N, C-alpha and C. Protein backbone atom coordinates (compact mmCIF):
# COMPACT_ATOMS: atom_id res chain seq x y z
N MET A 1 -0.50 18.41 -2.19
CA MET A 1 0.34 17.60 -1.33
C MET A 1 1.14 16.64 -2.21
N ALA A 2 2.44 16.71 -2.08
CA ALA A 2 3.31 15.90 -2.92
C ALA A 2 3.56 14.53 -2.28
N TYR A 3 3.99 13.59 -3.12
CA TYR A 3 4.35 12.27 -2.62
C TYR A 3 5.76 11.96 -3.11
N ASP A 4 6.37 10.97 -2.51
CA ASP A 4 7.75 10.59 -2.76
C ASP A 4 7.86 9.89 -4.12
N GLU A 5 8.38 10.61 -5.11
CA GLU A 5 8.52 10.08 -6.47
C GLU A 5 9.50 8.91 -6.53
N PHE A 6 10.55 8.98 -5.73
CA PHE A 6 11.54 7.89 -5.72
C PHE A 6 10.88 6.60 -5.23
N LEU A 7 10.08 6.70 -4.17
CA LEU A 7 9.36 5.53 -3.67
C LEU A 7 8.38 5.02 -4.73
N ALA A 8 7.72 5.92 -5.43
CA ALA A 8 6.79 5.51 -6.51
C ALA A 8 7.54 4.72 -7.58
N ASP A 9 8.73 5.18 -7.96
CA ASP A 9 9.52 4.46 -8.97
C ASP A 9 9.94 3.08 -8.46
N ARG A 10 10.32 3.00 -7.19
CA ARG A 10 10.69 1.70 -6.62
C ARG A 10 9.50 0.74 -6.63
N MET A 11 8.32 1.27 -6.30
CA MET A 11 7.12 0.44 -6.27
C MET A 11 6.75 -0.03 -7.68
N ARG A 12 6.84 0.86 -8.66
CA ARG A 12 6.57 0.47 -10.05
C ARG A 12 7.50 -0.66 -10.48
N ARG A 13 8.77 -0.55 -10.12
CA ARG A 13 9.75 -1.57 -10.50
C ARG A 13 9.39 -2.93 -9.89
N VAL A 14 9.00 -2.94 -8.61
CA VAL A 14 8.61 -4.19 -7.96
C VAL A 14 7.40 -4.79 -8.66
N LEU A 15 6.39 -3.97 -8.92
CA LEU A 15 5.18 -4.47 -9.58
C LEU A 15 5.49 -4.99 -10.98
N HIS A 16 6.33 -4.28 -11.73
CA HIS A 16 6.73 -4.75 -13.07
C HIS A 16 7.50 -6.06 -12.98
N ASP A 17 8.43 -6.14 -12.03
CA ASP A 17 9.23 -7.36 -11.87
C ASP A 17 8.35 -8.57 -11.53
N LYS A 18 7.27 -8.32 -10.80
CA LYS A 18 6.34 -9.39 -10.44
C LYS A 18 5.29 -9.63 -11.53
N LYS A 19 5.42 -8.87 -12.63
CA LYS A 19 4.52 -8.98 -13.78
C LYS A 19 3.06 -8.75 -13.39
N VAL A 20 2.85 -7.77 -12.52
CA VAL A 20 1.51 -7.40 -12.06
C VAL A 20 0.94 -6.34 -12.99
N VAL A 21 -0.29 -6.54 -13.43
CA VAL A 21 -0.99 -5.54 -14.23
C VAL A 21 -1.61 -4.57 -13.23
N PHE A 22 -1.29 -3.30 -13.37
CA PHE A 22 -1.78 -2.30 -12.42
C PHE A 22 -2.04 -0.98 -13.14
N SER A 23 -2.81 -0.14 -12.48
CA SER A 23 -2.99 1.24 -12.95
C SER A 23 -2.68 2.16 -11.78
N GLU A 24 -2.46 3.40 -12.09
CA GLU A 24 -2.15 4.39 -11.07
C GLU A 24 -3.27 5.42 -11.00
N LYS A 25 -3.57 5.84 -9.80
CA LYS A 25 -4.64 6.80 -9.60
C LYS A 25 -4.23 7.76 -8.49
N LYS A 26 -4.32 9.05 -8.77
CA LYS A 26 -4.01 10.04 -7.74
C LYS A 26 -5.23 10.17 -6.84
N MET A 27 -5.00 9.94 -5.55
CA MET A 27 -6.08 10.08 -4.57
C MET A 27 -5.49 10.26 -3.18
N MET A 28 -6.27 10.76 -2.27
CA MET A 28 -5.87 10.97 -0.88
C MET A 28 -4.60 11.80 -0.78
N GLY A 29 -4.39 12.70 -1.71
CA GLY A 29 -3.18 13.52 -1.68
C GLY A 29 -1.93 12.76 -2.05
N GLY A 30 -2.09 11.58 -2.61
CA GLY A 30 -0.93 10.77 -2.97
C GLY A 30 -1.19 10.00 -4.24
N LEU A 31 -0.59 8.85 -4.35
CA LEU A 31 -0.70 8.01 -5.53
C LEU A 31 -1.07 6.60 -5.08
N THR A 32 -2.06 6.03 -5.75
CA THR A 32 -2.51 4.67 -5.43
C THR A 32 -2.27 3.77 -6.63
N PHE A 33 -1.82 2.56 -6.36
CA PHE A 33 -1.65 1.54 -7.39
C PHE A 33 -2.82 0.59 -7.28
N MET A 34 -3.59 0.50 -8.34
CA MET A 34 -4.79 -0.32 -8.38
C MET A 34 -4.46 -1.64 -9.08
N VAL A 35 -4.89 -2.75 -8.49
CA VAL A 35 -4.72 -4.08 -9.09
C VAL A 35 -6.12 -4.69 -9.15
N ASP A 36 -6.53 -5.13 -10.32
CA ASP A 36 -7.89 -5.65 -10.53
C ASP A 36 -8.94 -4.63 -10.10
N ASP A 37 -8.69 -3.35 -10.41
CA ASP A 37 -9.60 -2.24 -10.08
C ASP A 37 -9.83 -2.09 -8.58
N LYS A 38 -8.89 -2.56 -7.76
CA LYS A 38 -8.98 -2.42 -6.31
C LYS A 38 -7.72 -1.75 -5.79
N MET A 39 -7.88 -0.89 -4.77
CA MET A 39 -6.74 -0.26 -4.14
C MET A 39 -5.85 -1.34 -3.53
N CYS A 40 -4.59 -1.34 -3.89
CA CYS A 40 -3.66 -2.37 -3.41
C CYS A 40 -2.58 -1.74 -2.54
N VAL A 41 -1.77 -0.87 -3.11
CA VAL A 41 -0.73 -0.15 -2.39
C VAL A 41 -0.73 1.28 -2.86
N GLY A 42 -0.09 2.13 -2.12
CA GLY A 42 -0.01 3.53 -2.52
C GLY A 42 1.03 4.28 -1.72
N ILE A 43 1.07 5.58 -1.97
CA ILE A 43 2.00 6.46 -1.29
C ILE A 43 1.22 7.68 -0.82
N VAL A 44 1.41 8.04 0.43
CA VAL A 44 0.89 9.29 0.97
C VAL A 44 2.09 9.99 1.59
N LYS A 45 2.45 11.12 1.04
CA LYS A 45 3.67 11.85 1.40
C LYS A 45 4.87 10.94 1.14
N ASN A 46 5.53 10.49 2.21
CA ASN A 46 6.69 9.61 2.01
C ASN A 46 6.48 8.25 2.64
N GLU A 47 5.21 7.88 2.85
CA GLU A 47 4.91 6.59 3.46
C GLU A 47 4.18 5.69 2.47
N LEU A 48 4.51 4.41 2.54
CA LEU A 48 3.80 3.43 1.75
C LEU A 48 2.49 3.09 2.46
N MET A 49 1.43 2.99 1.71
CA MET A 49 0.15 2.54 2.25
C MET A 49 -0.10 1.17 1.64
N ALA A 50 -0.45 0.20 2.48
CA ALA A 50 -0.71 -1.15 1.99
C ALA A 50 -2.05 -1.65 2.53
N ARG A 51 -2.82 -2.27 1.64
CA ARG A 51 -4.07 -2.90 2.03
C ARG A 51 -3.76 -4.37 2.23
N ILE A 52 -3.79 -4.80 3.49
CA ILE A 52 -3.38 -6.17 3.82
C ILE A 52 -4.54 -6.94 4.45
N ASN A 53 -4.35 -8.22 4.59
CA ASN A 53 -5.37 -9.07 5.18
C ASN A 53 -5.60 -8.66 6.63
N PRO A 54 -6.85 -8.35 7.01
CA PRO A 54 -7.12 -7.97 8.40
C PRO A 54 -6.71 -9.04 9.41
N ASP A 55 -6.62 -10.29 8.98
CA ASP A 55 -6.21 -11.37 9.87
C ASP A 55 -4.76 -11.24 10.33
N ILE A 56 -3.93 -10.55 9.56
CA ILE A 56 -2.52 -10.39 9.94
C ILE A 56 -2.19 -8.95 10.35
N TYR A 57 -3.22 -8.15 10.49
CA TYR A 57 -3.07 -6.72 10.79
C TYR A 57 -2.25 -6.48 12.05
N GLN A 58 -2.61 -7.10 13.16
CA GLN A 58 -1.89 -6.87 14.42
C GLN A 58 -0.43 -7.32 14.32
N GLU A 59 -0.20 -8.43 13.67
CA GLU A 59 1.17 -8.91 13.48
C GLU A 59 1.98 -7.90 12.65
N ALA A 60 1.36 -7.37 11.61
CA ALA A 60 2.04 -6.41 10.74
C ALA A 60 2.44 -5.15 11.52
N LEU A 61 1.58 -4.72 12.43
CA LEU A 61 1.87 -3.51 13.20
C LEU A 61 3.11 -3.64 14.08
N SER A 62 3.54 -4.87 14.34
CA SER A 62 4.73 -5.07 15.17
C SER A 62 6.03 -4.95 14.37
N ARG A 63 5.93 -4.85 13.05
CA ARG A 63 7.13 -4.75 12.20
C ARG A 63 7.67 -3.32 12.16
N LYS A 64 8.96 -3.21 11.93
CA LYS A 64 9.64 -1.91 11.89
C LYS A 64 8.97 -0.96 10.90
N GLY A 65 8.64 0.23 11.38
CA GLY A 65 8.11 1.28 10.51
C GLY A 65 6.63 1.20 10.23
N CYS A 66 5.95 0.15 10.67
CA CYS A 66 4.54 -0.04 10.35
C CYS A 66 3.67 0.63 11.42
N LYS A 67 2.62 1.30 10.96
CA LYS A 67 1.67 1.93 11.88
C LYS A 67 0.28 1.91 11.28
N GLU A 68 -0.71 2.17 12.12
CA GLU A 68 -2.09 2.19 11.67
C GLU A 68 -2.30 3.30 10.64
N MET A 69 -3.16 3.03 9.68
CA MET A 69 -3.58 4.08 8.75
C MET A 69 -4.76 4.77 9.41
N ASN A 70 -4.62 6.05 9.65
CA ASN A 70 -5.62 6.78 10.40
C ASN A 70 -5.84 8.15 9.75
N PHE A 71 -6.87 8.26 8.93
CA PHE A 71 -7.20 9.53 8.28
C PHE A 71 -8.31 10.28 9.02
N THR A 72 -9.19 9.55 9.64
CA THR A 72 -10.42 10.14 10.17
C THR A 72 -10.46 10.19 11.68
N GLY A 73 -9.36 9.87 12.33
CA GLY A 73 -9.36 9.79 13.78
C GLY A 73 -9.64 8.38 14.27
N ARG A 74 -9.88 7.49 13.32
CA ARG A 74 -10.16 6.09 13.61
C ARG A 74 -9.29 5.23 12.69
N PRO A 75 -8.55 4.26 13.23
CA PRO A 75 -7.72 3.43 12.34
C PRO A 75 -8.57 2.62 11.38
N MET A 76 -8.06 2.43 10.18
CA MET A 76 -8.75 1.63 9.17
C MET A 76 -8.14 0.23 9.19
N LYS A 77 -8.87 -0.73 9.73
CA LYS A 77 -8.35 -2.09 9.86
C LYS A 77 -8.09 -2.69 8.48
N GLY A 78 -6.91 -3.26 8.33
CA GLY A 78 -6.53 -3.83 7.05
C GLY A 78 -5.69 -2.89 6.20
N TYR A 79 -5.58 -1.65 6.63
CA TYR A 79 -4.74 -0.67 5.93
C TYR A 79 -3.65 -0.22 6.88
N VAL A 80 -2.41 -0.21 6.39
CA VAL A 80 -1.28 0.23 7.21
C VAL A 80 -0.43 1.23 6.44
N PHE A 81 0.26 2.05 7.19
CA PHE A 81 1.30 2.91 6.65
C PHE A 81 2.63 2.32 7.05
N ILE A 82 3.61 2.39 6.15
CA ILE A 82 4.96 1.96 6.47
C ILE A 82 5.87 3.16 6.25
N GLU A 83 6.51 3.60 7.32
CA GLU A 83 7.41 4.74 7.25
C GLU A 83 8.71 4.35 6.56
N ALA A 84 9.48 5.35 6.16
CA ALA A 84 10.71 5.13 5.40
C ALA A 84 11.65 4.14 6.08
N GLU A 85 11.72 4.14 7.41
CA GLU A 85 12.63 3.23 8.11
C GLU A 85 12.28 1.76 7.88
N GLY A 86 11.04 1.48 7.50
CA GLY A 86 10.63 0.11 7.22
C GLY A 86 10.74 -0.26 5.75
N LEU A 87 11.30 0.68 4.95
CA LEU A 87 11.40 0.47 3.50
C LEU A 87 12.82 0.69 2.99
N ASP A 88 13.78 0.59 3.89
CA ASP A 88 15.17 0.89 3.52
C ASP A 88 15.69 0.01 2.39
N THR A 89 15.33 -1.26 2.42
CA THR A 89 15.86 -2.18 1.41
C THR A 89 14.76 -2.57 0.42
N ASP A 90 15.18 -3.03 -0.74
CA ASP A 90 14.21 -3.52 -1.72
C ASP A 90 13.46 -4.72 -1.17
N ARG A 91 14.13 -5.52 -0.38
CA ARG A 91 13.49 -6.71 0.21
C ARG A 91 12.33 -6.31 1.12
N GLU A 92 12.54 -5.25 1.93
CA GLU A 92 11.47 -4.77 2.81
C GLU A 92 10.29 -4.23 1.99
N LEU A 93 10.59 -3.46 0.96
CA LEU A 93 9.53 -2.93 0.08
C LEU A 93 8.76 -4.08 -0.57
N GLU A 94 9.48 -5.05 -1.10
CA GLU A 94 8.83 -6.21 -1.74
C GLU A 94 7.94 -6.97 -0.75
N TYR A 95 8.38 -7.07 0.50
CA TYR A 95 7.59 -7.76 1.53
C TYR A 95 6.20 -7.12 1.64
N TRP A 96 6.16 -5.79 1.79
CA TRP A 96 4.88 -5.10 1.98
C TRP A 96 4.02 -5.15 0.73
N ILE A 97 4.64 -5.00 -0.42
CA ILE A 97 3.87 -5.09 -1.67
C ILE A 97 3.30 -6.49 -1.84
N GLN A 98 4.09 -7.50 -1.52
CA GLN A 98 3.60 -8.88 -1.65
C GLN A 98 2.44 -9.15 -0.70
N LEU A 99 2.50 -8.62 0.54
CA LEU A 99 1.36 -8.79 1.46
C LEU A 99 0.09 -8.20 0.85
N ALA A 100 0.21 -7.03 0.25
CA ALA A 100 -0.95 -6.39 -0.37
C ALA A 100 -1.43 -7.19 -1.58
N LEU A 101 -0.51 -7.69 -2.39
CA LEU A 101 -0.88 -8.50 -3.56
C LEU A 101 -1.55 -9.81 -3.13
N ASP A 102 -1.07 -10.40 -2.04
CA ASP A 102 -1.67 -11.64 -1.54
C ASP A 102 -3.11 -11.42 -1.12
N TYR A 103 -3.39 -10.26 -0.54
CA TYR A 103 -4.75 -9.98 -0.07
C TYR A 103 -5.67 -9.50 -1.19
N ASN A 104 -5.12 -8.93 -2.22
CA ASN A 104 -5.92 -8.30 -3.29
C ASN A 104 -7.05 -9.18 -3.83
N PRO A 105 -6.83 -10.46 -4.13
CA PRO A 105 -7.94 -11.27 -4.65
C PRO A 105 -9.09 -11.43 -3.66
N LEU A 106 -8.82 -11.29 -2.37
CA LEU A 106 -9.85 -11.43 -1.34
C LEU A 106 -10.54 -10.11 -1.02
N ALA A 107 -9.91 -8.99 -1.39
CA ALA A 107 -10.42 -7.67 -1.03
C ALA A 107 -11.70 -7.34 -1.82
N GLN A 108 -12.58 -6.60 -1.16
CA GLN A 108 -13.81 -6.14 -1.81
C GLN A 108 -13.48 -4.92 -2.66
N SER A 109 -14.12 -4.83 -3.82
CA SER A 109 -14.02 -3.63 -4.65
C SER A 109 -14.90 -2.56 -4.03
N SER A 110 -14.46 -1.32 -4.14
CA SER A 110 -15.34 -0.24 -3.66
C SER A 110 -16.44 -0.04 -4.70
N LYS A 111 -17.56 0.47 -4.24
CA LYS A 111 -18.67 0.69 -5.15
C LYS A 111 -18.33 1.81 -6.10
N LYS A 112 -18.65 1.61 -7.37
CA LYS A 112 -18.39 2.60 -8.41
C LYS A 112 -19.41 3.73 -8.29
N LYS A 113 -18.92 4.97 -8.42
CA LYS A 113 -19.83 6.12 -8.43
C LYS A 113 -20.48 6.24 -9.78
N LYS A 114 -21.74 6.56 -9.77
CA LYS A 114 -22.48 6.70 -11.04
C LYS A 114 -22.35 8.11 -11.58
């Protein structure tokens, strides 16, 4: 399953401009950007995936292009997908990345597999 390389390049540029140290990891059929060894933002097909503060989850869902992240038939609270229509401008992309970066220090790390 391929992901949107152009969106990946735009995301890299935003992270570099913000001087964020990150790594990239292919997972979930897409690409994930890890910050402090935690999933922060990513791409699945042509949608941005953002891990945001669950306290602002409902508010975020009201924004253009934003929808629940639902892989298992159940939405994952705190994770959203943003469709291309919500990422038309660099400002919109930066908004979603910044929400994920703001939450990252509060987010729990997933348990490491042995």
